[in-house]
Amino acid sequence: GAGNMYEVTTPGKEEADEAMASIKKDYPDLQISQTKAHLLVTFETVTGEYKEEIVQKTKGRKEKFRVQVRDVRQKALKSMAKAGLSKAEEKAIEKQIQTLHDQCIKKIDQIYTDKTKQIR
């Protein structure tokens, strides 16, 4: 695909070999070629379509985190119900659990919104 190419010149072939191995290890999908002491690296142009793909993956993760928070709330409520507390104590703790739940959901949503703005 279309992209920007950058040439990197190293002091010698040995350094280029080491750099090439390191880059390939850390970034296996990166397009890179080598000629003696020169590396040619191609960075793909980030398209709007690719950005939307990242946003959708991020949205999926956001939903997964929201479900995990709800699951924790449910477990906490079940544990509380088994604790033999008075109705007043249960109500107070239930309110605290709900407040924590709502704060976590709000934070997850805010992080998603912020990251989506960064991506787009």
Foldseek 3Di string as FASTA:
>chain_A
DDFDKDKDFDPWQVVQVVVVVVCCVVPVPWDWDDDTRMIITTDHDQDPVNLVVVLVVLVVVLVVVLVVLVVVLVVVLVVVVVPPDDPVVSVVVNVVSVVVSVVSNVVSVVVSVVVNVVSD
